[in-house]
Amino acid sequence: MTREGLPHPHPHPHPHRTAPRPPTAPLPDPGRHPHTASNGAVPYAAAYDDAPLDPRTAPVPRYGTGSLADLLPSIAAGLGVPGMTAAIPVRPADRACVFLVDGMGWEAIKAHPDEAPFLTSLLPTSGAGTGEPITSGFPSTTATSLASVGTGRVPGEHGLPGYTALDPATGRLMNQLRWQPWTDPHVWQPYPTVFQHADAAGVATCQVTAPHFEHTPLTKIALSGGTFLGRPSAEDRMDLAAERLSAGDRSLVYTYFAELDGNGHRYGMDSDAWRGQLMYVDRLAQRLAEQLPPRSALYITADHGMVDIPERPEARIDFDEDWELSAGVAQLGGEGRMRHVYAVPGAAGDVHAVWREVLADQAWVATREEALALGWFGPGVEPRVRGRLGDVIAAMRDDVAVVATRREPKESQLIGMHGSATAAEQLVPLLEVRT
């Protein structure tokens, strides 16, 4: 595409762009997708029917019926914590443990039964015995998901809408995982956590994870409440989590494992390193399950899945080298699979048009207003969060990423990525073991 009145400086500027396809059917009613199920959810397989892509065909997380934001409130309701609602119909248990594995998507477990025999055996228990996954929120990334898990709120409420997002107060990008540049965590995310509510209600509440997470801002605003116990060894964390479940007649324990995600980023899911970590996770989960005290429920879940991005240039669209994508853009947020695009004043419409055409049928590209209306960040987005969202939001459907090799050199080299709305990234397990 060329800007009106500007010849393109390169004869073949976008080898990654596919030829536009004519629409095969009228656009769907924005109030209801043609494949919408009775519960209002768009089945993930059905979301791939329309080309060129329209943002109304993007799968939306199952906020209010089966998303990560619904998990802890549903468990806490069964523990008798006031003000909590069981949107996911899990059976009450006196003792509940959540084991969250970073990067362990539903589709990844299903594709690796030999590496994960124990987890595979639990697939029929997922989704409160339906055998179905739940969803992360949008975007499907760690900072957003952990905030949803811990607060029981959707991204449009807790206000962590991606890996990086604009801080309207400073005009700078805020990395919400590393918390750089510094801002007051409790101003950025003001809501109490479900753990704090449970602790106040007399539930023996505990987080058992790696020691270096204890004082991070993300832990403070998403996962604090009750007792924090840090252990470097993952086996020790499993043993201690089971022990802490016995600490009270009513108990809530959270534990976490990060290395599967790290190996996926570095080596890709199609690697021995990633498969070896999945085998280790499977053993950890079984180790924890075999030590559960009576009247317990163990829930094994994840913050997101992952996809491998090929090394081919057409699969890694470089924002820093693409004059069309970068024209009119003041800041580039998010990550390779889901971009917040912040336009210079007056350029939002042009930026949207260019991104929509350049990414063609490879991504869902929406304006901020479209994304809000479609509920990508939840049924409601608070005013303090609105300005953190891009003027344009691009979620990749195909195995492509918009990288930025100069702005984000390390992130641009990753093999495994996540953040978008595809089934591989959005669907996560909710496996259950009860005693």
Protein backbone atom coordinates (compact mmCIF):
# COMPACT_ATOMS: atom_id res chain seq x y z
CA MET A 1 0.00 0.00 0.00
CA THR A 2 1.17 3.54 -0.64
CA ARG A 3 0.05 6.66 1.09
CA GLU A 4 -1.94 8.93 -1.21
CA GLY A 5 0.44 11.06 -3.26
CA LEU A 6 3.52 9.12 -2.10
CA PRO A 7 5.20 6.58 -4.36
CA HIS A 8 6.45 3.53 -2.50
CA PRO A 9 10.25 3.63 -2.19
CA HIS A 10 10.60 -0.15 -2.54
CA PRO A 11 9.37 -2.25 -5.47
CA HIS A 12 8.25 -5.14 -3.25
CA PRO A 13 7.72 -3.65 0.21
CA HIS A 14 5.65 -6.45 1.71
CA PRO A 15 6.66 -9.96 0.65
CA HIS A 16 4.59 -11.18 3.60
CA ARG A 17 1.34 -9.64 2.39
CA THR A 18 -1.10 -11.96 0.73
CA ALA A 19 -3.30 -10.83 -2.11
CA PRO A 20 -6.61 -9.37 -0.98
CA ARG A 21 -9.53 -11.77 -1.23
CA PRO A 22 -13.04 -10.62 -2.13
CA PRO A 23 -15.59 -10.93 0.65
CA THR A 24 -17.64 -14.10 0.37
CA ALA A 25 -20.56 -12.98 2.53
CA PRO A 26 -21.97 -9.84 4.11
CA LEU A 27 -20.35 -8.77 7.37
CA PRO A 28 -21.99 -10.39 10.38
CA ASP A 29 -24.30 -8.53 12.67
CA PRO A 30 -21.98 -6.91 15.23
CA GLY A 31 -24.33 -8.00 17.97
CA ARG A 32 -24.04 -11.69 17.15
CA HIS A 33 -21.43 -13.67 15.28
CA PRO A 34 -22.97 -16.19 12.83
CA HIS A 35 -21.26 -19.01 14.71
CA THR A 36 -22.15 -17.78 18.19
CA ALA A 37 -23.12 -20.57 20.55
CA SER A 38 -26.05 -20.42 22.93
CA ASN A 39 -23.77 -19.10 25.67
CA GLY A 40 -22.62 -16.22 23.47
CA ALA A 41 -19.12 -17.59 22.86
CA VAL A 42 -17.61 -17.80 19.39
CA PRO A 43 -16.18 -21.31 18.87
CA TYR A 44 -12.50 -20.99 18.15
CA ALA A 45 -12.52 -23.16 15.02
CA ALA A 46 -15.36 -21.09 13.55
CA ALA A 47 -13.45 -17.85 13.87
CA TYR A 48 -11.29 -18.72 10.86
CA ASP A 49 -14.05 -18.62 8.25
CA ASP A 50 -13.99 -14.98 7.22
CA ALA A 51 -11.38 -13.41 4.94
CA PRO A 52 -10.36 -10.68 4.72
CA LEU A 53 -10.51 -10.63 8.47
CA ASP A 54 -13.07 -8.53 10.26
CA PRO A 55 -12.51 -7.82 13.98
CA ARG A 56 -16.04 -9.05 14.71
CA THR A 57 -14.87 -12.57 13.86
CA ALA A 58 -12.13 -12.63 16.49
CA PRO A 59 -12.84 -15.03 19.37
CA VAL A 60 -13.63 -13.19 22.59
CA PRO A 61 -12.62 -14.63 25.99
CA ARG A 62 -15.43 -16.21 27.99
CA TYR A 63 -15.60 -13.42 30.52
CA GLY A 64 -18.22 -14.12 33.16
CA THR A 65 -18.70 -17.78 32.27
CA GLY A 66 -15.29 -19.41 31.87
CA SER A 67 -12.23 -17.17 31.88
CA LEU A 68 -9.24 -16.90 34.18
CA ALA A 69 -10.88 -13.89 35.82
CA ASP A 70 -13.69 -16.21 36.95
CA LEU A 71 -11.47 -18.90 38.47
CA LEU A 72 -10.52 -17.64 41.94
CA PRO A 73 -13.91 -16.03 42.67
CA SER A 74 -15.56 -19.38 41.84
CA ILE A 75 -13.18 -21.26 44.15
CA ALA A 76 -13.49 -18.63 46.88
CA ALA A 77 -17.28 -18.78 46.70
CA GLY A 78 -17.04 -22.47 47.54
CA LEU A 79 -14.88 -21.56 50.54
CA GLY A 80 -17.57 -19.20 51.80
CA VAL A 81 -15.72 -15.95 51.07
CA PRO A 82 -18.29 -13.12 51.10
CA GLY A 83 -18.96 -11.31 47.84
CA MET A 84 -17.62 -14.08 45.58
CA THR A 85 -19.68 -15.63 42.78
CA ALA A 86 -19.14 -19.04 41.20
CA ALA A 87 -19.25 -18.22 37.49
CA ILE A 88 -17.46 -21.53 36.86
CA PRO A 89 -19.54 -24.30 38.47
CA VAL A 90 -16.71 -25.98 40.37
CA ARG A 91 -17.83 -28.09 43.31
CA PRO A 92 -17.01 -26.55 46.70
CA ALA A 93 -14.03 -27.90 48.61
CA ASP A 94 -12.72 -27.02 52.06
CA ARG A 95 -9.16 -26.84 50.76
CA ALA A 96 -8.28 -25.54 47.32
CA CYS A 97 -4.95 -25.30 45.51
CA VAL A 98 -4.30 -23.57 42.19
CA PHE A 99 -1.19 -24.72 40.32
CA LEU A 100 -0.56 -22.30 37.46
CA VAL A 101 1.95 -23.32 34.78
CA ASP A 102 3.14 -20.40 32.70
CA GLY A 103 2.65 -21.02 28.97
CA MET A 104 0.87 -24.41 29.15
CA GLY A 105 -1.96 -24.07 26.68
CA TRP A 106 -4.83 -26.51 26.27
CA GLU A 107 -3.84 -27.42 22.72
CA ALA A 108 -0.25 -28.09 23.79
CA ILE A 109 -1.35 -30.67 26.35
CA LYS A 110 -3.64 -32.38 23.85
CA ALA A 111 -0.83 -32.52 21.29
CA HIS A 112 1.68 -34.13 23.71
CA PRO A 113 0.05 -37.10 25.47
CA ASP A 114 3.34 -39.03 25.65
CA GLU A 115 5.16 -36.18 27.37
CA ALA A 116 2.26 -35.40 29.73
CA PRO A 117 0.46 -38.66 30.57
CA PHE A 118 -0.80 -37.50 33.96
CA LEU A 119 -2.13 -34.18 32.67
CA THR A 120 -3.66 -35.94 29.68
CA SER A 121 -5.49 -38.32 32.01
CA LEU A 122 -7.09 -35.27 33.66
CA LEU A 123 -8.40 -33.68 30.46
CA PRO A 124 -11.97 -35.01 31.03
CA THR A 125 -12.06 -33.15 34.36
CA SER A 126 -11.35 -29.77 32.79
CA GLY A 127 -13.88 -26.96 32.97
CA ALA A 128 -15.72 -28.30 36.04
CA GLY A 129 -16.06 -31.75 34.53
CA THR A 130 -17.15 -30.70 31.04
CA GLY A 131 -13.88 -31.76 29.45
CA GLU A 132 -13.55 -28.29 27.96
CA PRO A 133 -10.91 -25.57 28.42
CA ILE A 134 -11.44 -22.12 29.82
CA THR A 135 -9.93 -18.99 28.28
CA SER A 136 -7.35 -16.49 29.34
CA GLY A 137 -8.26 -12.86 28.96
CA PHE A 138 -7.14 -10.62 26.13
CA PRO A 139 -4.33 -10.27 25.44
CA SER A 140 -3.13 -13.76 26.29
CA THR A 141 0.00 -12.71 28.13
CA THR A 142 1.40 -13.23 31.62
CA ALA A 143 0.96 -9.81 33.22
CA THR A 144 -2.64 -9.55 32.03
CA SER A 145 -3.53 -13.11 32.98
CA LEU A 146 -1.95 -13.11 36.43
CA ALA A 147 -3.74 -9.86 37.23
CA SER A 148 -7.02 -11.44 36.11
CA VAL A 149 -6.38 -14.56 38.18
CA GLY A 150 -5.41 -12.70 41.32
CA THR A 151 -8.00 -9.93 41.28
CA GLY A 152 -10.84 -11.87 39.71
CA ARG A 153 -11.33 -8.95 37.32
CA VAL A 154 -11.17 -8.57 33.56
CA PRO A 155 -8.35 -6.58 31.92
CA GLY A 156 -10.57 -3.56 31.34
CA GLU A 157 -11.01 -3.33 35.13
CA HIS A 158 -7.63 -4.27 36.60
CA GLY A 159 -5.85 -2.22 33.95
CA LEU A 160 -2.93 -4.43 32.84
CA PRO A 161 -3.88 -4.72 29.16
CA GLY A 162 -0.72 -6.26 27.76
CA TYR A 163 3.01 -6.81 28.00
CA THR A 164 3.61 -3.10 27.42
CA ALA A 165 1.00 -0.36 27.39
CA LEU A 166 0.98 3.41 27.32
CA ASP A 167 0.93 5.31 30.59
CA PRO A 168 -1.23 8.31 29.65
CA ALA A 169 0.13 10.28 32.61
CA THR A 170 3.69 10.19 31.26
CA GLY A 171 3.32 9.38 27.58
CA ARG A 172 5.76 6.50 28.01
CA LEU A 173 5.34 2.78 27.52
CA MET A 174 4.95 0.83 30.74
CA ASN A 175 6.31 -2.74 30.86
CA GLN A 176 3.74 -4.40 33.12
CA LEU A 177 5.78 -7.55 33.67
CA ARG A 178 9.05 -5.86 34.61
CA TRP A 179 7.29 -2.74 35.97
CA GLN A 180 9.48 -0.31 34.06
CA PRO A 181 9.43 2.64 34.27
CA TRP A 182 8.35 2.66 37.89
CA THR A 183 4.86 3.75 38.80
CA ASP A 184 2.91 3.24 42.01
CA PRO A 185 1.54 -0.33 41.73
CA HIS A 186 -1.56 0.39 43.78
CA VAL A 187 -2.43 3.40 41.66
CA TRP A 188 -1.96 1.40 38.49
CA GLN A 189 -4.10 -1.50 39.85
CA PRO A 190 -6.17 -0.36 42.85
CA TYR A 191 -8.36 -3.39 43.54
CA PRO A 192 -7.77 -5.90 46.37
CA THR A 193 -6.95 -9.45 45.38
CA VAL A 194 -9.14 -12.50 45.93
CA PHE A 195 -6.39 -13.78 48.23
CA GLN A 196 -6.80 -10.70 50.42
CA HIS A 197 -10.56 -11.22 50.54
CA ALA A 198 -10.06 -14.88 51.46
CA ASP A 199 -7.52 -14.07 54.15
CA ALA A 200 -9.89 -11.49 55.68
CA ALA A 201 -12.63 -14.14 55.71
CA GLY A 202 -10.51 -16.48 57.83
CA VAL A 203 -9.32 -18.78 55.05
CA ALA A 204 -5.71 -19.96 55.51
CA THR A 205 -4.27 -18.31 52.41
CA CYS A 206 -0.79 -18.83 51.00
CA GLN A 207 1.33 -18.32 47.88
CA VAL A 208 4.15 -20.82 47.36
CA THR A 209 6.45 -19.80 44.54
CA ALA A 210 10.03 -18.82 43.71
CA PRO A 211 11.60 -16.46 46.27
CA HIS A 212 12.43 -13.69 43.79
CA PHE A 213 8.74 -13.04 43.14
CA GLU A 214 8.01 -11.98 46.73
CA HIS A 215 8.57 -8.25 46.37
CA THR A 216 7.75 -7.67 42.71
CA PRO A 217 5.05 -5.08 41.93
CA LEU A 218 3.05 -7.64 39.97
CA THR A 219 2.93 -9.91 43.01
CA LYS A 220 1.88 -7.02 45.23
CA ILE A 221 -1.06 -5.97 43.08
CA ALA A 222 -2.17 -9.36 41.76
CA LEU A 223 -1.08 -12.23 44.00
CA SER A 224 -0.69 -10.88 47.54
CA GLY A 225 -2.76 -11.82 50.56
CA GLY A 226 -2.08 -14.21 53.40
CA THR A 227 1.39 -15.78 53.63
CA PHE A 228 4.12 -15.77 50.98
CA LEU A 229 6.54 -18.72 51.07
CA GLY A 230 9.42 -18.75 48.61
CA ARG A 231 11.21 -21.94 47.62
CA PRO A 232 13.76 -22.21 44.79
CA SER A 233 13.08 -25.90 44.11
CA ALA A 234 9.90 -26.73 42.22
CA GLU A 235 9.66 -30.08 44.01
CA ASP A 236 9.87 -28.30 47.35
CA ARG A 237 7.11 -25.94 46.21
CA MET A 238 4.82 -28.87 45.41
CA ASP A 239 5.50 -30.49 48.78
CA LEU A 240 5.01 -27.23 50.68
CA ALA A 241 1.81 -26.40 48.80
CA ALA A 242 0.32 -29.74 49.86
CA GLU A 243 1.50 -29.15 53.42
CA ARG A 244 -0.06 -25.68 53.54
CA LEU A 245 -3.39 -27.04 52.38
CA SER A 246 -3.57 -28.82 55.71
CA ALA A 247 -2.93 -25.59 57.64
CA GLY A 248 -6.60 -24.87 58.23
CA ASP A 249 -10.09 -26.28 57.96
CA ARG A 250 -10.48 -23.87 55.03
CA SER A 251 -7.40 -23.13 52.96
CA LEU A 252 -6.47 -21.54 49.64
CA VAL A 253 -2.98 -22.12 48.20
CA TYR A 254 -1.46 -20.83 44.97
CA THR A 255 1.72 -22.14 43.37
CA TYR A 256 3.42 -21.35 40.08
CA PHE A 257 5.95 -22.72 37.59
CA ALA A 258 7.57 -20.42 35.00
CA GLU A 259 10.17 -22.45 33.12
CA LEU A 260 7.90 -24.06 30.51
CA ASP A 261 7.12 -20.60 29.14
CA GLY A 262 10.79 -19.62 29.20
CA ASN A 263 11.87 -22.66 27.22
CA GLY A 264 9.08 -22.09 24.73
CA HIS A 265 10.20 -18.52 24.16
CA ARG A 266 13.86 -19.45 23.75
CA TYR A 267 13.69 -22.74 21.87
CA GLY A 268 10.14 -23.07 20.60
CA MET A 269 7.55 -25.68 21.41
CA ASP A 270 8.97 -27.94 18.71
CA SER A 271 12.12 -28.52 20.72
CA ASP A 272 13.48 -31.15 23.06
CA ALA A 273 14.01 -28.45 25.69
CA TRP A 274 10.32 -27.52 25.72
CA ARG A 275 9.13 -31.12 25.66
CA GLY A 276 11.49 -31.94 28.51
CA GLN A 277 10.01 -29.15 30.60
CA LEU A 278 6.48 -30.40 29.86
CA MET A 279 7.51 -33.85 31.10
CA TYR A 280 8.84 -32.22 34.27
CA VAL A 281 5.61 -30.26 34.77
CA ASP A 282 3.65 -33.50 34.40
CA ARG A 283 5.70 -35.08 37.19
CA LEU A 284 5.30 -32.00 39.39
CA ALA A 285 1.54 -32.03 38.98
CA GLN A 286 1.36 -35.70 39.88
CA ARG A 287 3.65 -35.17 42.86
CA LEU A 288 1.34 -32.45 44.20
CA ALA A 289 -1.84 -34.43 43.47
CA GLU A 290 -0.57 -37.49 45.34
CA GLN A 291 0.00 -35.44 48.51
CA LEU A 292 -3.35 -33.67 48.74
CA PRO A 293 -4.91 -33.80 52.20
CA PRO A 294 -8.54 -34.84 52.65
CA ARG A 295 -11.35 -32.56 51.43
CA SER A 296 -9.08 -30.91 48.85
CA ALA A 297 -9.40 -29.80 45.25
CA LEU A 298 -6.37 -29.17 43.04
CA TYR A 299 -6.86 -27.00 39.95
CA ILE A 300 -4.13 -27.05 37.30
CA THR A 301 -4.29 -24.19 34.84
CA ALA A 302 -2.15 -21.76 32.82
CA ASP A 303 -1.97 -18.11 31.96
CA HIS A 304 -1.83 -18.61 28.17
CA GLY A 305 -0.67 -20.95 25.43
CA MET A 306 1.94 -20.30 22.76
CA VAL A 307 2.74 -20.54 19.04
CA ASP A 308 6.09 -20.88 17.29
CA ILE A 309 6.85 -18.13 14.80
CA PRO A 310 8.94 -19.22 11.78
CA GLU A 311 12.25 -17.49 11.18
CA ARG A 312 11.18 -16.48 7.66
CA PRO A 313 11.06 -12.70 7.04
CA GLU A 314 7.46 -12.90 5.84
CA ALA A 315 6.48 -14.36 9.23
CA ARG A 316 8.36 -11.69 11.21
CA ILE A 317 7.14 -8.33 9.98
CA ASP A 318 9.62 -5.76 11.23
CA PHE A 319 7.92 -2.57 12.33
CA ASP A 320 11.26 -0.79 12.58
CA GLU A 321 11.99 -1.46 8.91
CA ASP A 322 8.47 -1.00 7.54
CA TRP A 323 7.80 2.58 6.54
CA GLU A 324 4.06 1.99 6.07
CA LEU A 325 3.38 0.37 9.44
CA SER A 326 5.48 2.96 11.27
CA ALA A 327 4.03 6.03 9.52
CA GLY A 328 1.96 8.10 11.94
CA VAL A 329 2.81 5.88 14.93
CA ALA A 330 4.03 7.56 18.10
CA GLN A 331 4.45 4.42 20.25
CA LEU A 332 4.31 0.68 19.62
CA GLY A 333 3.10 -1.35 22.58
CA GLY A 334 2.03 -4.89 23.33
CA GLU A 335 4.20 -7.65 21.89
CA GLY A 336 4.72 -9.45 18.60
CA ARG A 337 1.43 -11.34 18.59
CA MET A 338 -0.75 -8.46 19.86
CA ARG A 339 0.08 -4.85 19.25
CA HIS A 340 -1.19 -1.68 20.86
CA VAL A 341 -0.53 0.99 18.24
CA TYR A 342 -0.56 4.57 19.51
CA ALA A 343 -0.95 7.14 16.75
CA VAL A 344 0.33 10.68 16.61
CA PRO A 345 -2.54 13.18 17.07
CA GLY A 346 -4.87 13.17 14.10
CA ALA A 347 -3.39 10.07 12.46
CA ALA A 348 -5.40 7.27 14.09
CA GLY A 349 -7.70 6.76 11.11
CA ASP A 350 -4.83 6.54 8.64
CA VAL A 351 -2.83 4.22 10.90
CA HIS A 352 -5.82 1.90 11.22
CA ALA A 353 -6.34 1.80 7.46
CA VAL A 354 -2.68 1.04 6.77
CA TRP A 355 -2.36 -1.68 9.40
CA ARG A 356 -5.60 -3.24 8.23
CA GLU A 357 -4.39 -3.42 4.65
CA VAL A 358 -0.78 -4.43 5.32
CA LEU A 359 -1.77 -7.27 7.66
CA ALA A 360 -4.68 -8.17 5.37
CA ASP A 361 -6.04 -11.62 6.28
CA GLN A 362 -3.26 -12.40 8.77
CA ALA A 363 -4.58 -10.41 11.74
CA TRP A 364 -7.66 -8.96 13.33
CA VAL A 365 -7.11 -5.19 13.29
CA ALA A 366 -9.53 -3.01 15.24
CA THR A 367 -9.80 0.55 16.37
CA ARG A 368 -9.90 1.12 20.12
CA GLU A 369 -13.63 1.80 19.91
CA GLU A 370 -14.25 -1.41 17.98
CA ALA A 371 -12.27 -3.46 20.50
CA LEU A 372 -14.22 -1.91 23.37
CA ALA A 373 -17.57 -2.56 21.69
CA LEU A 374 -16.61 -6.15 20.94
CA GLY A 375 -15.59 -6.79 24.56
CA TRP A 376 -12.02 -7.84 23.87
CA PHE A 377 -10.89 -6.47 27.25
CA GLY A 378 -14.07 -7.38 29.08
CA PRO A 379 -17.66 -6.19 29.20
CA GLY A 380 -16.54 -2.82 30.54
CA VAL A 381 -13.33 -0.79 30.37
CA GLU A 382 -12.81 1.77 33.12
CA PRO A 383 -11.88 5.36 32.19
CA ARG A 384 -8.45 5.08 33.86
CA VAL A 385 -7.68 2.06 31.63
CA ARG A 386 -9.05 3.38 28.35
CA GLY A 387 -6.02 5.54 27.52
CA ARG A 388 -3.69 2.59 28.05
CA LEU A 389 -5.20 0.85 25.02
CA GLY A 390 -3.88 1.47 21.54
CA ASP A 391 -5.66 3.68 19.05
CA VAL A 392 -5.31 0.59 16.87
CA ILE A 393 -5.15 -2.97 18.21
CA ALA A 394 -3.77 -5.76 16.03
CA ALA A 395 -4.14 -9.41 17.04
CA MET A 396 -2.39 -11.94 14.81
CA ARG A 397 -4.36 -14.91 13.52
CA ASP A 398 -1.74 -16.63 11.37
CA ASP A 399 1.70 -17.75 12.54
CA VAL A 400 3.17 -14.28 12.10
CA ALA A 401 4.39 -11.56 14.44
CA VAL A 402 4.98 -7.83 14.16
CA VAL A 403 8.44 -7.55 15.67
CA ALA A 404 10.56 -4.45 16.26
CA THR A 405 14.19 -5.41 15.89
CA ARG A 406 15.63 -2.07 17.04
CA ARG A 407 13.13 -1.17 19.76
CA GLU A 408 12.74 -4.72 21.09
CA PRO A 409 15.86 -6.68 20.05
CA LYS A 410 15.50 -9.47 22.61
CA GLU A 411 11.76 -9.94 22.21
CA SER A 412 12.12 -9.96 18.43
CA GLN A 413 14.40 -13.00 18.61
CA LEU A 414 11.94 -15.19 20.52
CA ILE A 415 10.73 -18.35 18.80
CA GLY A 416 7.63 -19.06 20.89
CA MET A 417 5.25 -16.12 21.27
CA HIS A 418 1.77 -15.42 22.58
CA GLY A 419 -0.70 -12.62 23.18
CA SER A 420 -3.34 -13.03 20.50
CA ALA A 421 -6.84 -14.52 20.39
CA THR A 422 -6.13 -17.83 18.65
CA ALA A 423 -7.06 -21.12 20.26
CA ALA A 424 -3.41 -22.07 20.73
CA GLU A 425 -2.86 -18.92 22.83
CA GLN A 426 -6.25 -18.29 24.47
CA LEU A 427 -7.44 -21.74 25.52
CA VAL A 428 -6.06 -22.99 28.84
CA PRO A 429 -6.82 -26.06 30.93
CA LEU A 430 -8.71 -26.17 34.18
CA LEU A 431 -7.78 -29.69 35.27
CA GLU A 432 -9.07 -30.99 38.60
CA VAL A 433 -8.04 -33.55 41.21
CA ARG A 434 -10.16 -34.04 44.32
CA THR A 435 -9.77 -36.01 47.55
